[in-house]
Amino acid sequence: PAEWFMIEMQGNLESRSKEHVEGKFIGDLHFNKQGVPVMIIGHHILYGKEIELDQPVLAISKDSNLPEKRDGEELMDLDNVENSGKYNVNAIIRKKLVFKSRPKPIIANVPKKV
């Protein structure tokens, strides 16, 4: 299975249009040369740190490809579809990226008028 990161942020994350941000692109995640996580959201930059979790977390999903009962065929008690379930491990999460500080605005260098 893949290894994912958990991201922890302080405060609220809202879009300008007030729509839900679930499953949508919110920004870019990079690591600088020192290994510090850097998140860029819109015109803001956040610096974080990588923390090892005390216990790993599994990201799982229920398998929807369960066997179907065919006409004239009976399932044994052990094969009862309603009571059984198969779960797939999508990823193991061992680390989280914590962004505690307030976002800093990204300001382009504008030359001063002389």
N, C-alpha and C. Protein backbone atom coordinates (compact mmCIF):
# COMPACT_ATOMS: atom_id res chain seq x y z
N PRO A 1 0.82 -1.21 0.00
CA PRO A 1 0.00 0.00 0.00
C PRO A 1 0.86 1.26 0.00
N ALA A 2 0.26 2.32 -0.48
CA ALA A 2 0.95 3.61 -0.54
C ALA A 2 1.11 4.19 0.85
N GLU A 3 2.04 5.14 0.98
CA GLU A 3 2.18 5.85 2.25
C GLU A 3 1.72 7.29 2.04
N TRP A 4 0.77 7.71 2.86
CA TRP A 4 0.21 9.05 2.77
C TRP A 4 0.62 9.87 3.98
N PHE A 5 0.41 11.17 3.90
CA PHE A 5 0.58 12.09 5.03
C PHE A 5 -0.79 12.54 5.48
N MET A 6 -0.90 12.82 6.75
CA MET A 6 -2.08 13.48 7.29
C MET A 6 -1.71 14.95 7.42
N ILE A 7 -2.61 15.86 7.04
CA ILE A 7 -2.33 17.28 7.13
C ILE A 7 -3.20 17.89 8.21
N GLU A 8 -2.56 18.61 9.14
CA GLU A 8 -3.28 19.28 10.23
C GLU A 8 -3.05 20.77 10.09
N MET A 9 -4.17 21.50 10.04
CA MET A 9 -4.08 22.95 9.91
C MET A 9 -4.89 23.59 11.02
N GLN A 10 -4.50 24.77 11.43
CA GLN A 10 -5.23 25.52 12.45
C GLN A 10 -6.18 26.49 11.77
N GLY A 11 -7.36 26.68 12.34
CA GLY A 11 -8.30 27.65 11.79
C GLY A 11 -9.23 27.03 10.76
N ASN A 12 -9.88 27.87 10.00
CA ASN A 12 -10.86 27.45 8.99
C ASN A 12 -10.30 27.66 7.60
N LEU A 13 -10.71 26.80 6.70
CA LEU A 13 -10.34 26.92 5.30
C LEU A 13 -11.62 27.14 4.52
N GLU A 14 -11.78 28.34 3.99
CA GLU A 14 -13.00 28.70 3.27
C GLU A 14 -12.66 29.20 1.88
N SER A 15 -13.57 28.95 0.95
CA SER A 15 -13.39 29.47 -0.40
C SER A 15 -14.11 30.80 -0.52
N ARG A 16 -13.71 31.59 -1.50
CA ARG A 16 -14.35 32.90 -1.71
C ARG A 16 -15.82 32.75 -2.09
N SER A 17 -16.13 31.68 -2.82
CA SER A 17 -17.51 31.48 -3.27
C SER A 17 -18.36 30.76 -2.22
N LYS A 18 -17.78 30.49 -1.05
CA LYS A 18 -18.47 29.84 0.07
C LYS A 18 -18.94 28.42 -0.24
N GLU A 19 -18.37 27.78 -1.25
CA GLU A 19 -18.74 26.40 -1.55
C GLU A 19 -17.80 25.46 -0.79
N HIS A 20 -18.21 24.21 -0.64
CA HIS A 20 -17.41 23.23 0.08
C HIS A 20 -16.10 22.95 -0.65
N VAL A 21 -15.04 22.72 0.10
CA VAL A 21 -13.73 22.47 -0.50
C VAL A 21 -13.39 20.98 -0.53
N GLU A 22 -14.32 20.12 -0.13
CA GLU A 22 -14.07 18.68 -0.12
C GLU A 22 -13.77 18.18 -1.54
N GLY A 23 -12.67 17.46 -1.67
CA GLY A 23 -12.32 16.88 -2.96
C GLY A 23 -11.87 17.86 -4.02
N LYS A 24 -11.62 19.10 -3.64
CA LYS A 24 -11.20 20.11 -4.60
C LYS A 24 -9.74 20.50 -4.35
N PHE A 25 -9.12 21.02 -5.38
CA PHE A 25 -7.74 21.50 -5.29
C PHE A 25 -7.71 22.76 -4.44
N ILE A 26 -6.88 22.75 -3.39
CA ILE A 26 -6.81 23.94 -2.53
C ILE A 26 -5.46 24.63 -2.60
N GLY A 27 -4.43 23.93 -3.03
CA GLY A 27 -3.12 24.56 -3.08
C GLY A 27 -2.03 23.57 -3.42
N ASP A 28 -0.79 24.03 -3.29
CA ASP A 28 0.38 23.21 -3.61
C ASP A 28 1.14 22.89 -2.33
N LEU A 29 1.66 21.68 -2.26
CA LEU A 29 2.48 21.25 -1.12
C LEU A 29 3.88 20.94 -1.65
N HIS A 30 4.88 21.60 -1.06
CA HIS A 30 6.27 21.41 -1.45
C HIS A 30 7.11 21.17 -0.20
N PHE A 31 8.32 20.70 -0.41
CA PHE A 31 9.30 20.57 0.66
C PHE A 31 10.54 21.35 0.22
N ASN A 32 11.07 22.23 1.12
CA ASN A 32 12.27 22.97 0.75
C ASN A 32 13.51 22.09 0.91
N LYS A 33 14.68 22.65 0.67
CA LYS A 33 15.91 21.86 0.71
C LYS A 33 16.19 21.27 2.09
N GLN A 34 15.69 21.92 3.15
CA GLN A 34 15.88 21.44 4.51
C GLN A 34 14.81 20.42 4.91
N GLY A 35 13.86 20.11 4.02
CA GLY A 35 12.81 19.13 4.33
C GLY A 35 11.60 19.72 5.04
N VAL A 36 11.51 21.04 5.10
CA VAL A 36 10.37 21.70 5.76
C VAL A 36 9.20 21.74 4.78
N PRO A 37 8.01 21.28 5.20
CA PRO A 37 6.85 21.36 4.32
C PRO A 37 6.38 22.80 4.14
N VAL A 38 6.08 23.16 2.90
CA VAL A 38 5.61 24.49 2.56
C VAL A 38 4.33 24.34 1.76
N MET A 39 3.25 24.97 2.23
CA MET A 39 1.98 24.90 1.53
C MET A 39 1.63 26.28 0.99
N ILE A 40 1.27 26.33 -0.28
CA ILE A 40 0.87 27.58 -0.91
C ILE A 40 -0.60 27.47 -1.27
N ILE A 41 -1.41 28.35 -0.65
CA ILE A 41 -2.85 28.38 -0.90
C ILE A 41 -3.19 29.79 -1.38
N GLY A 42 -3.55 29.90 -2.64
CA GLY A 42 -3.86 31.21 -3.21
C GLY A 42 -2.64 32.12 -3.15
N HIS A 43 -2.78 33.27 -2.48
CA HIS A 43 -1.67 34.22 -2.33
C HIS A 43 -1.07 34.16 -0.93
N HIS A 44 -1.16 32.99 -0.30
CA HIS A 44 -0.63 32.82 1.05
C HIS A 44 0.31 31.62 1.10
N ILE A 45 1.28 31.70 1.99
CA ILE A 45 2.24 30.63 2.17
C ILE A 45 2.25 30.22 3.64
N LEU A 46 2.30 28.91 3.88
CA LEU A 46 2.35 28.37 5.24
C LEU A 46 3.57 27.47 5.36
N TYR A 47 4.25 27.57 6.50
CA TYR A 47 5.39 26.71 6.79
C TYR A 47 4.97 25.75 7.91
N GLY A 48 5.32 24.49 7.74
CA GLY A 48 4.91 23.50 8.73
C GLY A 48 6.07 22.65 9.19
N LYS A 49 5.73 21.57 9.88
CA LYS A 49 6.75 20.60 10.29
C LYS A 49 6.16 19.21 10.20
N GLU A 50 7.06 18.25 10.01
CA GLU A 50 6.68 16.85 9.86
C GLU A 50 6.80 16.16 11.22
N ILE A 51 5.73 15.46 11.62
CA ILE A 51 5.70 14.78 12.92
C ILE A 51 5.34 13.31 12.71
N GLU A 52 6.07 12.44 13.38
CA GLU A 52 5.79 11.00 13.35
C GLU A 52 4.59 10.71 14.26
N LEU A 53 3.61 9.95 13.78
CA LEU A 53 2.45 9.60 14.59
C LEU A 53 2.84 8.52 15.61
N ASP A 54 2.20 8.54 16.78
CA ASP A 54 2.46 7.52 17.80
C ASP A 54 2.09 6.14 17.28
N GLN A 55 0.94 6.05 16.62
CA GLN A 55 0.49 4.79 16.03
C GLN A 55 0.07 5.06 14.59
N PRO A 56 0.42 4.17 13.67
CA PRO A 56 0.02 4.39 12.28
C PRO A 56 -1.50 4.31 12.12
N VAL A 57 -2.00 5.00 11.10
CA VAL A 57 -3.42 5.01 10.78
C VAL A 57 -3.58 4.40 9.40
N LEU A 58 -4.60 3.56 9.23
CA LEU A 58 -4.86 2.96 7.93
C LEU A 58 -5.99 3.69 7.23
N ALA A 59 -5.83 3.94 5.95
CA ALA A 59 -6.91 4.46 5.12
C ALA A 59 -7.48 3.27 4.37
N ILE A 60 -8.73 2.92 4.68
CA ILE A 60 -9.34 1.72 4.11
C ILE A 60 -10.61 2.08 3.36
N SER A 61 -11.02 1.17 2.48
CA SER A 61 -12.30 1.32 1.76
C SER A 61 -12.94 -0.06 1.69
N LYS A 62 -14.26 -0.06 1.73
CA LYS A 62 -15.00 -1.31 1.67
C LYS A 62 -15.05 -1.77 0.22
N ASP A 63 -14.80 -3.06 0.01
CA ASP A 63 -14.81 -3.64 -1.33
C ASP A 63 -16.25 -3.80 -1.78
N SER A 64 -16.59 -3.22 -2.91
CA SER A 64 -17.96 -3.33 -3.42
C SER A 64 -18.13 -4.51 -4.35
N ASN A 65 -17.08 -5.24 -4.62
CA ASN A 65 -17.16 -6.41 -5.51
C ASN A 65 -17.44 -7.68 -4.72
N LEU A 66 -18.56 -7.69 -4.02
CA LEU A 66 -18.93 -8.87 -3.25
C LEU A 66 -19.63 -9.86 -4.17
N PRO A 67 -19.51 -11.17 -3.90
CA PRO A 67 -20.15 -12.16 -4.78
C PRO A 67 -21.66 -12.03 -4.73
N GLU A 68 -22.27 -12.19 -5.90
CA GLU A 68 -23.72 -12.12 -5.98
C GLU A 68 -24.30 -13.53 -6.05
N LYS A 69 -25.51 -13.68 -5.53
CA LYS A 69 -26.19 -14.96 -5.55
C LYS A 69 -26.75 -15.19 -6.95
N ARG A 70 -26.45 -16.35 -7.53
CA ARG A 70 -26.96 -16.69 -8.86
C ARG A 70 -28.27 -17.44 -8.71
N ASP A 71 -29.09 -17.40 -9.76
CA ASP A 71 -30.37 -18.11 -9.75
C ASP A 71 -30.15 -19.60 -9.51
N GLY A 72 -30.94 -20.16 -8.60
CA GLY A 72 -30.86 -21.59 -8.31
C GLY A 72 -29.68 -21.97 -7.44
N GLU A 73 -28.91 -21.01 -6.97
CA GLU A 73 -27.72 -21.28 -6.17
C GLU A 73 -27.93 -20.71 -4.78
N GLU A 74 -27.61 -21.50 -3.76
CA GLU A 74 -27.75 -21.00 -2.39
C GLU A 74 -26.36 -20.74 -1.82
N LEU A 75 -26.28 -19.71 -1.03
CA LEU A 75 -25.01 -19.39 -0.38
C LEU A 75 -24.93 -20.11 0.96
N MET A 76 -23.75 -20.57 1.29
CA MET A 76 -23.56 -21.19 2.60
C MET A 76 -23.57 -20.10 3.65
N ASP A 77 -23.74 -20.45 4.92
CA ASP A 77 -23.77 -19.47 6.01
C ASP A 77 -22.51 -18.61 6.04
N LEU A 78 -21.38 -19.21 5.74
CA LEU A 78 -20.13 -18.46 5.77
C LEU A 78 -20.04 -17.46 4.63
N ASP A 79 -20.81 -17.68 3.58
CA ASP A 79 -20.77 -16.80 2.42
C ASP A 79 -21.89 -15.77 2.44
N ASN A 80 -22.54 -15.59 3.56
CA ASN A 80 -23.66 -14.66 3.66
C ASN A 80 -23.17 -13.25 3.36
N VAL A 81 -23.66 -12.66 2.27
CA VAL A 81 -23.19 -11.36 1.81
C VAL A 81 -23.52 -10.26 2.81
N GLU A 82 -24.67 -10.32 3.45
CA GLU A 82 -25.07 -9.26 4.38
C GLU A 82 -24.14 -9.18 5.59
N ASN A 83 -23.60 -10.30 6.04
CA ASN A 83 -22.78 -10.32 7.25
C ASN A 83 -21.28 -10.29 6.97
N SER A 84 -20.92 -10.34 5.72
CA SER A 84 -19.49 -10.36 5.42
C SER A 84 -19.08 -9.05 4.78
N GLY A 85 -17.83 -8.79 4.77
CA GLY A 85 -17.32 -7.57 4.14
C GLY A 85 -15.84 -7.70 3.93
N LYS A 86 -15.40 -7.17 2.85
CA LYS A 86 -13.97 -7.18 2.55
C LYS A 86 -13.52 -5.74 2.49
N TYR A 87 -12.42 -5.44 3.14
CA TYR A 87 -11.89 -4.09 3.17
C TYR A 87 -10.51 -4.08 2.54
N ASN A 88 -10.25 -3.04 1.75
CA ASN A 88 -8.95 -2.87 1.11
C ASN A 88 -8.18 -1.78 1.83
N VAL A 89 -6.90 -2.01 2.07
CA VAL A 89 -6.03 -1.00 2.67
C VAL A 89 -5.50 -0.14 1.53
N ASN A 90 -5.91 1.14 1.51
CA ASN A 90 -5.48 2.05 0.46
C ASN A 90 -4.11 2.64 0.77
N ALA A 91 -3.86 2.94 2.04
CA ALA A 91 -2.59 3.56 2.41
C ALA A 91 -2.34 3.42 3.90
N ILE A 92 -1.09 3.58 4.27
CA ILE A 92 -0.67 3.60 5.67
C ILE A 92 -0.18 5.02 5.96
N ILE A 93 -0.72 5.62 7.01
CA ILE A 93 -0.34 6.98 7.38
C ILE A 93 0.51 6.91 8.64
N ARG A 94 1.80 7.25 8.50
CA ARG A 94 2.74 7.19 9.63
C ARG A 94 3.18 8.57 10.09
N LYS A 95 2.97 9.60 9.24
CA LYS A 95 3.44 10.95 9.56
C LYS A 95 2.33 11.95 9.29
N LYS A 96 2.40 13.06 10.00
CA LYS A 96 1.48 14.15 9.70
C LYS A 96 2.28 15.44 9.53
N LEU A 97 1.72 16.30 8.70
CA LEU A 97 2.31 17.61 8.47
C LEU A 97 1.46 18.61 9.23
N VAL A 98 2.08 19.34 10.15
CA VAL A 98 1.36 20.28 11.01
C VAL A 98 1.70 21.70 10.58
N PHE A 99 0.65 22.48 10.29
CA PHE A 99 0.80 23.88 9.93
C PHE A 99 0.11 24.69 11.03
N LYS A 100 0.91 25.17 12.00
CA LYS A 100 0.36 25.89 13.16
C LYS A 100 0.35 27.40 12.96
N SER A 101 1.32 27.90 12.25
CA SER A 101 1.47 29.36 12.15
C SER A 101 0.45 29.95 11.20
N ARG A 102 0.21 31.25 11.36
CA ARG A 102 -0.72 31.96 10.48
C ARG A 102 -0.11 32.06 9.08
N PRO A 103 -0.95 32.02 8.06
CA PRO A 103 -0.42 32.15 6.70
C PRO A 103 0.17 33.54 6.47
N LYS A 104 1.25 33.56 5.71
CA LYS A 104 1.90 34.83 5.37
C LYS A 104 1.54 35.18 3.93
N PRO A 105 1.25 36.44 3.65
CA PRO A 105 0.92 36.81 2.27
C PRO A 105 2.16 36.74 1.38
N ILE A 106 1.95 36.34 0.15
CA ILE A 106 3.03 36.33 -0.83
C ILE A 106 2.99 37.68 -1.54
N ILE A 107 4.07 38.44 -1.40
CA ILE A 107 4.14 39.78 -1.99
C ILE A 107 5.27 39.79 -3.00
N ALA A 108 4.95 40.17 -4.21
CA ALA A 108 5.97 40.26 -5.25
C ALA A 108 6.85 41.47 -4.99
N ASN A 109 8.10 41.37 -5.38
CA ASN A 109 9.03 42.51 -5.24
C ASN A 109 8.65 43.58 -6.25
N VAL A 110 8.24 44.71 -5.74
CA VAL A 110 7.88 45.84 -6.59
C VAL A 110 8.95 46.91 -6.42
N PRO A 111 9.60 47.31 -7.51
CA PRO A 111 10.66 48.32 -7.36
C PRO A 111 10.07 49.66 -6.89
N LYS A 112 10.83 50.32 -6.03
CA LYS A 112 10.39 51.64 -5.50
C LYS A 112 10.62 52.70 -6.56
N LYS A 113 9.71 53.66 -6.58
CA LYS A 113 9.88 54.78 -7.53
C LYS A 113 10.92 55.73 -6.95
N VAL A 114 11.80 56.20 -7.79
CA VAL A 114 12.86 57.11 -7.34
C VAL A 114 12.54 58.53 -7.71
